[in-house]
Amino acid sequence: MNSTRVLCVENRPEYMDALKYMLEAAGYEVMAATTGSQGLRLLTDLHIDGVLLEYDLPDATGSAVRAEMKRIKPDIPVLLFAGIGSQTPFLLRFFDSYLRNSERPEVVFDDLDT
C-alpha cells in the first residue's frame, strides 16, 4: 500500500467522489476538503505529500489558495485543475508520476509515454 497522502480540494461532491475513487485505486490516502480554507487548514495540520486543487472554489480562487499553500509548504506539489472530464485520467497519471519521481522530474514524462 502506498503511504502517500494527497489532499484533494474539490467543492462538488460528485467530482470529489470520482477523484477520491481514482486516487485511492492508485493506492493513495486521500484527505478531502470542500473549500480553500478547509484545504489550507488540513495542509497546515497534517502531513501531506501532494495537493489536487480545484480552481473554482466557493470561498476563493484556486490560484489564491495555491499561493498560500506554497507560502506555507513551498516544497509540496500542487496541481491546479478546473473540473473533471476526459483529461482527468491523464492529469492524475501525471500527478502520480510526479509524486513517485519527484527527485527525478525528467522521468515524469517518460512515465506518461508508457
N, C-alpha and C. Protein backbone atom coordinates (compact mmCIF):
# COMPACT_ATOMS: atom_id res chain seq x y z
N MET A 1 0.84 -1.19 0.00
CA MET A 1 0.00 0.00 0.00
C MET A 1 0.88 1.24 0.00
N ASN A 2 0.55 2.17 -0.82
CA ASN A 2 1.25 3.45 -0.91
C ASN A 2 0.93 4.27 0.33
N SER A 3 1.93 4.80 1.00
CA SER A 3 1.68 5.61 2.20
C SER A 3 1.65 7.10 1.88
N THR A 4 1.50 7.43 0.62
CA THR A 4 1.49 8.82 0.20
C THR A 4 0.10 9.41 0.42
N ARG A 5 0.08 10.56 1.07
CA ARG A 5 -1.18 11.23 1.40
C ARG A 5 -1.39 12.42 0.47
N VAL A 6 -2.55 12.44 -0.18
CA VAL A 6 -2.91 13.50 -1.11
C VAL A 6 -4.09 14.29 -0.54
N LEU A 7 -3.97 15.59 -0.59
CA LEU A 7 -5.08 16.47 -0.23
C LEU A 7 -5.81 16.83 -1.51
N CYS A 8 -7.10 16.54 -1.55
CA CYS A 8 -7.92 16.84 -2.72
C CYS A 8 -8.93 17.91 -2.31
N VAL A 9 -8.85 19.07 -2.96
CA VAL A 9 -9.75 20.18 -2.66
C VAL A 9 -10.69 20.35 -3.85
N GLU A 10 -11.93 19.96 -3.64
CA GLU A 10 -12.96 20.00 -4.68
C GLU A 10 -14.31 20.23 -4.02
N ASN A 11 -15.07 21.21 -4.48
CA ASN A 11 -16.33 21.55 -3.81
C ASN A 11 -17.54 20.80 -4.35
N ARG A 12 -17.44 20.12 -5.47
CA ARG A 12 -18.58 19.36 -6.00
C ARG A 12 -18.49 17.91 -5.54
N PRO A 13 -19.48 17.45 -4.77
CA PRO A 13 -19.40 16.09 -4.21
C PRO A 13 -19.22 15.01 -5.27
N GLU A 14 -19.89 15.13 -6.41
CA GLU A 14 -19.76 14.09 -7.44
C GLU A 14 -18.36 14.05 -8.03
N TYR A 15 -17.71 15.21 -8.16
CA TYR A 15 -16.33 15.25 -8.64
C TYR A 15 -15.38 14.72 -7.57
N MET A 16 -15.63 15.09 -6.32
CA MET A 16 -14.78 14.61 -5.23
C MET A 16 -14.84 13.08 -5.16
N ASP A 17 -16.05 12.53 -5.29
CA ASP A 17 -16.18 11.07 -5.24
C ASP A 17 -15.36 10.40 -6.34
N ALA A 18 -15.41 10.95 -7.55
CA ALA A 18 -14.66 10.37 -8.67
C ALA A 18 -13.16 10.50 -8.45
N LEU A 19 -12.70 11.67 -8.03
CA LEU A 19 -11.27 11.88 -7.79
C LEU A 19 -10.77 10.98 -6.66
N LYS A 20 -11.54 10.92 -5.59
CA LYS A 20 -11.14 10.10 -4.45
C LYS A 20 -11.06 8.63 -4.86
N TYR A 21 -12.03 8.16 -5.63
CA TYR A 21 -12.03 6.78 -6.10
C TYR A 21 -10.77 6.49 -6.92
N MET A 22 -10.45 7.38 -7.87
CA MET A 22 -9.28 7.16 -8.74
C MET A 22 -7.98 7.20 -7.94
N LEU A 23 -7.86 8.14 -7.02
CA LEU A 23 -6.65 8.25 -6.22
C LEU A 23 -6.49 7.06 -5.27
N GLU A 24 -7.56 6.66 -4.63
CA GLU A 24 -7.48 5.51 -3.73
C GLU A 24 -7.19 4.23 -4.51
N ALA A 25 -7.73 4.11 -5.72
CA ALA A 25 -7.44 2.94 -6.55
C ALA A 25 -5.96 2.88 -6.92
N ALA A 26 -5.31 4.05 -6.99
CA ALA A 26 -3.87 4.11 -7.27
C ALA A 26 -3.04 3.92 -6.00
N GLY A 27 -3.71 3.76 -4.86
CA GLY A 27 -3.01 3.48 -3.61
C GLY A 27 -2.76 4.65 -2.70
N TYR A 28 -3.34 5.80 -3.01
CA TYR A 28 -3.12 6.98 -2.18
C TYR A 28 -4.12 7.06 -1.03
N GLU A 29 -3.68 7.63 0.06
CA GLU A 29 -4.58 8.02 1.14
C GLU A 29 -5.07 9.41 0.78
N VAL A 30 -6.37 9.63 0.77
CA VAL A 30 -6.94 10.90 0.32
C VAL A 30 -7.57 11.64 1.48
N MET A 31 -7.16 12.88 1.64
CA MET A 31 -7.79 13.80 2.59
C MET A 31 -8.63 14.74 1.74
N ALA A 32 -9.90 14.88 2.07
CA ALA A 32 -10.82 15.67 1.27
C ALA A 32 -11.14 17.00 1.93
N ALA A 33 -11.20 18.05 1.11
CA ALA A 33 -11.62 19.37 1.56
C ALA A 33 -12.55 19.95 0.50
N THR A 34 -13.55 20.71 0.94
CA THR A 34 -14.53 21.27 0.00
C THR A 34 -14.39 22.78 -0.17
N THR A 35 -13.52 23.41 0.60
CA THR A 35 -13.27 24.85 0.46
C THR A 35 -11.77 25.11 0.54
N GLY A 36 -11.37 26.27 0.08
CA GLY A 36 -9.97 26.64 0.17
C GLY A 36 -9.50 26.75 1.60
N SER A 37 -10.32 27.33 2.47
CA SER A 37 -9.90 27.50 3.87
C SER A 37 -9.76 26.14 4.56
N GLN A 38 -10.67 25.21 4.25
CA GLN A 38 -10.55 23.87 4.82
C GLN A 38 -9.28 23.18 4.30
N GLY A 39 -8.98 23.34 3.02
CA GLY A 39 -7.77 22.77 2.46
C GLY A 39 -6.51 23.33 3.11
N LEU A 40 -6.50 24.64 3.33
CA LEU A 40 -5.34 25.27 3.99
C LEU A 40 -5.16 24.74 5.41
N ARG A 41 -6.27 24.56 6.11
CA ARG A 41 -6.20 24.06 7.48
C ARG A 41 -5.64 22.64 7.50
N LEU A 42 -6.12 21.78 6.59
CA LEU A 42 -5.61 20.41 6.53
C LEU A 42 -4.13 20.38 6.14
N LEU A 43 -3.75 21.23 5.19
CA LEU A 43 -2.34 21.28 4.78
C LEU A 43 -1.46 21.70 5.95
N THR A 44 -1.94 22.63 6.75
CA THR A 44 -1.18 23.12 7.90
C THR A 44 -1.08 22.07 9.00
N ASP A 45 -2.17 21.34 9.22
CA ASP A 45 -2.25 20.42 10.37
C ASP A 45 -1.73 19.02 10.11
N LEU A 46 -1.72 18.58 8.84
CA LEU A 46 -1.39 17.19 8.53
C LEU A 46 -0.15 17.08 7.65
N HIS A 47 0.41 15.88 7.65
CA HIS A 47 1.46 15.58 6.68
C HIS A 47 0.77 15.31 5.34
N ILE A 48 1.09 16.12 4.34
CA ILE A 48 0.52 16.00 3.01
C ILE A 48 1.67 15.90 2.02
N ASP A 49 1.57 14.97 1.06
CA ASP A 49 2.63 14.79 0.06
C ASP A 49 2.35 15.51 -1.25
N GLY A 50 1.08 15.79 -1.54
CA GLY A 50 0.72 16.47 -2.77
C GLY A 50 -0.72 16.96 -2.68
N VAL A 51 -1.04 17.96 -3.50
CA VAL A 51 -2.37 18.56 -3.46
C VAL A 51 -2.96 18.63 -4.86
N LEU A 52 -4.21 18.17 -4.99
CA LEU A 52 -5.02 18.41 -6.18
C LEU A 52 -6.00 19.51 -5.79
N LEU A 53 -5.99 20.61 -6.52
CA LEU A 53 -6.73 21.80 -6.11
C LEU A 53 -7.62 22.32 -7.23
N GLU A 54 -8.92 22.30 -7.00
CA GLU A 54 -9.90 22.84 -7.95
C GLU A 54 -9.73 24.36 -8.03
N TYR A 55 -9.81 24.89 -9.24
CA TYR A 55 -9.66 26.33 -9.42
C TYR A 55 -10.86 27.11 -8.90
N ASP A 56 -12.06 26.61 -9.15
CA ASP A 56 -13.29 27.34 -8.84
C ASP A 56 -13.86 26.86 -7.50
N LEU A 57 -13.45 27.50 -6.42
CA LEU A 57 -13.92 27.14 -5.09
C LEU A 57 -14.91 28.19 -4.57
N PRO A 58 -15.76 27.82 -3.62
CA PRO A 58 -16.78 28.76 -3.16
C PRO A 58 -16.23 29.94 -2.36
N ASP A 59 -15.07 29.78 -1.72
CA ASP A 59 -14.57 30.84 -0.85
C ASP A 59 -13.33 31.56 -1.38
N ALA A 60 -12.75 31.09 -2.48
CA ALA A 60 -11.54 31.72 -3.02
C ALA A 60 -11.23 31.10 -4.38
N THR A 61 -10.39 31.79 -5.14
CA THR A 61 -9.92 31.17 -6.38
C THR A 61 -8.82 30.18 -6.04
N GLY A 62 -8.72 29.16 -6.86
CA GLY A 62 -7.68 28.17 -6.65
C GLY A 62 -6.29 28.77 -6.70
N SER A 63 -6.09 29.76 -7.55
CA SER A 63 -4.75 30.37 -7.64
C SER A 63 -4.37 31.08 -6.34
N ALA A 64 -5.34 31.72 -5.68
CA ALA A 64 -5.05 32.37 -4.40
C ALA A 64 -4.75 31.33 -3.32
N VAL A 65 -5.51 30.25 -3.32
CA VAL A 65 -5.28 29.18 -2.35
C VAL A 65 -3.93 28.52 -2.61
N ARG A 66 -3.61 28.29 -3.88
CA ARG A 66 -2.32 27.69 -4.23
C ARG A 66 -1.17 28.57 -3.74
N ALA A 67 -1.27 29.87 -3.94
CA ALA A 67 -0.21 30.78 -3.49
C ALA A 67 0.00 30.67 -1.98
N GLU A 68 -1.09 30.60 -1.23
CA GLU A 68 -0.99 30.48 0.22
C GLU A 68 -0.42 29.11 0.61
N MET A 69 -0.83 28.06 -0.10
CA MET A 69 -0.28 26.73 0.18
C MET A 69 1.23 26.70 -0.05
N LYS A 70 1.67 27.32 -1.13
CA LYS A 70 3.11 27.35 -1.44
C LYS A 70 3.87 28.21 -0.43
N ARG A 71 3.21 29.21 0.14
CA ARG A 71 3.85 30.01 1.19
C ARG A 71 4.02 29.16 2.45
N ILE A 72 3.00 28.37 2.77
CA ILE A 72 3.02 27.54 3.98
C ILE A 72 4.00 26.38 3.84
N LYS A 73 3.91 25.65 2.72
CA LYS A 73 4.76 24.48 2.48
C LYS A 73 5.25 24.53 1.04
N PRO A 74 6.33 25.28 0.79
CA PRO A 74 6.78 25.52 -0.59
C PRO A 74 7.19 24.27 -1.36
N ASP A 75 7.54 23.20 -0.69
CA ASP A 75 8.02 22.01 -1.39
C ASP A 75 6.92 21.02 -1.78
N ILE A 76 5.70 21.28 -1.36
CA ILE A 76 4.59 20.38 -1.67
C ILE A 76 4.09 20.67 -3.08
N PRO A 77 4.02 19.65 -3.96
CA PRO A 77 3.47 19.88 -5.30
C PRO A 77 1.96 20.13 -5.23
N VAL A 78 1.51 21.15 -5.97
CA VAL A 78 0.09 21.50 -6.02
C VAL A 78 -0.31 21.54 -7.49
N LEU A 79 -1.24 20.65 -7.86
CA LEU A 79 -1.76 20.63 -9.23
C LEU A 79 -3.12 21.31 -9.23
N LEU A 80 -3.18 22.43 -9.91
CA LEU A 80 -4.41 23.21 -10.03
C LEU A 80 -5.18 22.71 -11.25
N PHE A 81 -6.48 22.45 -11.09
CA PHE A 81 -7.28 21.95 -12.21
C PHE A 81 -8.64 22.64 -12.22
N ALA A 82 -9.35 22.53 -13.31
CA ALA A 82 -10.68 23.13 -13.45
C ALA A 82 -11.67 22.05 -13.86
N GLY A 83 -12.35 21.48 -12.87
CA GLY A 83 -13.35 20.46 -13.16
C GLY A 83 -12.73 19.15 -13.59
N ILE A 84 -13.59 18.16 -13.77
CA ILE A 84 -13.10 16.88 -14.27
C ILE A 84 -13.74 16.60 -15.62
N GLY A 85 -13.05 15.81 -16.41
CA GLY A 85 -13.51 15.49 -17.75
C GLY A 85 -12.62 14.43 -18.35
N SER A 86 -12.57 14.40 -19.65
CA SER A 86 -11.78 13.37 -20.33
C SER A 86 -10.28 13.49 -20.05
N GLN A 87 -9.83 14.68 -19.67
CA GLN A 87 -8.41 14.90 -19.38
C GLN A 87 -8.01 14.42 -17.98
N THR A 88 -8.99 14.15 -17.12
CA THR A 88 -8.69 13.83 -15.72
C THR A 88 -7.79 12.61 -15.55
N PRO A 89 -8.02 11.49 -16.21
CA PRO A 89 -7.10 10.35 -16.03
C PRO A 89 -5.66 10.71 -16.38
N PHE A 90 -5.46 11.49 -17.44
CA PHE A 90 -4.10 11.90 -17.81
C PHE A 90 -3.49 12.80 -16.72
N LEU A 91 -4.27 13.75 -16.22
CA LEU A 91 -3.76 14.63 -15.16
C LEU A 91 -3.39 13.83 -13.91
N LEU A 92 -4.21 12.85 -13.57
CA LEU A 92 -3.90 12.03 -12.41
C LEU A 92 -2.68 11.15 -12.64
N ARG A 93 -2.49 10.65 -13.85
CA ARG A 93 -1.26 9.90 -14.17
C ARG A 93 -0.04 10.79 -14.04
N PHE A 94 -0.15 12.03 -14.53
CA PHE A 94 0.95 12.99 -14.41
C PHE A 94 1.26 13.24 -12.94
N PHE A 95 0.23 13.51 -12.16
CA PHE A 95 0.38 13.80 -10.73
C PHE A 95 1.01 12.60 -10.02
N ASP A 96 0.52 11.40 -10.30
CA ASP A 96 1.05 10.18 -9.72
C ASP A 96 2.52 10.01 -10.08
N SER A 97 2.84 10.18 -11.34
CA SER A 97 4.23 10.04 -11.79
C SER A 97 5.13 11.06 -11.11
N TYR A 98 4.65 12.29 -11.00
CA TYR A 98 5.45 13.32 -10.34
C TYR A 98 5.70 12.98 -8.87
N LEU A 99 4.65 12.53 -8.17
CA LEU A 99 4.83 12.19 -6.76
C LEU A 99 5.82 11.03 -6.58
N ARG A 100 5.76 10.06 -7.47
CA ARG A 100 6.67 8.91 -7.37
C ARG A 100 8.09 9.25 -7.80
N ASN A 101 8.26 10.27 -8.63
CA ASN A 101 9.58 10.59 -9.20
C ASN A 101 10.01 12.03 -8.91
N SER A 102 9.59 12.58 -7.78
CA SER A 102 9.87 14.00 -7.51
C SER A 102 11.37 14.31 -7.46
N GLU A 103 12.18 13.32 -7.15
CA GLU A 103 13.64 13.55 -7.13
C GLU A 103 14.24 13.55 -8.53
N ARG A 104 13.49 12.97 -9.49
CA ARG A 104 13.96 12.89 -10.88
C ARG A 104 12.84 13.33 -11.82
N PRO A 105 12.56 14.62 -11.90
CA PRO A 105 11.42 15.09 -12.70
C PRO A 105 11.49 14.74 -14.18
N GLU A 106 12.68 14.48 -14.70
CA GLU A 106 12.79 14.13 -16.12
C GLU A 106 12.12 12.80 -16.42
N VAL A 107 11.94 11.95 -15.41
CA VAL A 107 11.32 10.65 -15.58
C VAL A 107 9.80 10.77 -15.72
N VAL A 108 9.24 11.86 -15.23
CA VAL A 108 7.78 12.03 -15.24
C VAL A 108 7.22 11.88 -16.64
N PHE A 109 7.81 12.53 -17.61
CA PHE A 109 7.29 12.48 -18.97
C PHE A 109 7.52 11.12 -19.61
N ASP A 110 8.60 10.44 -19.23
CA ASP A 110 8.81 9.08 -19.72
C ASP A 110 7.70 8.16 -19.25
N ASP A 111 7.28 8.32 -17.99
CA ASP A 111 6.19 7.51 -17.45
C ASP A 111 4.90 7.69 -18.23
N LEU A 112 4.66 8.87 -18.72
CA LEU A 112 3.42 9.16 -19.42
C LEU A 112 3.38 8.55 -20.82
N ASP A 113 4.54 8.22 -21.35
CA ASP A 113 4.60 7.60 -22.68
C ASP A 113 4.28 6.12 -22.65
N THR A 114 4.28 5.51 -21.46
CA THR A 114 4.04 4.07 -21.37
C THR A 114 2.57 3.75 -21.23
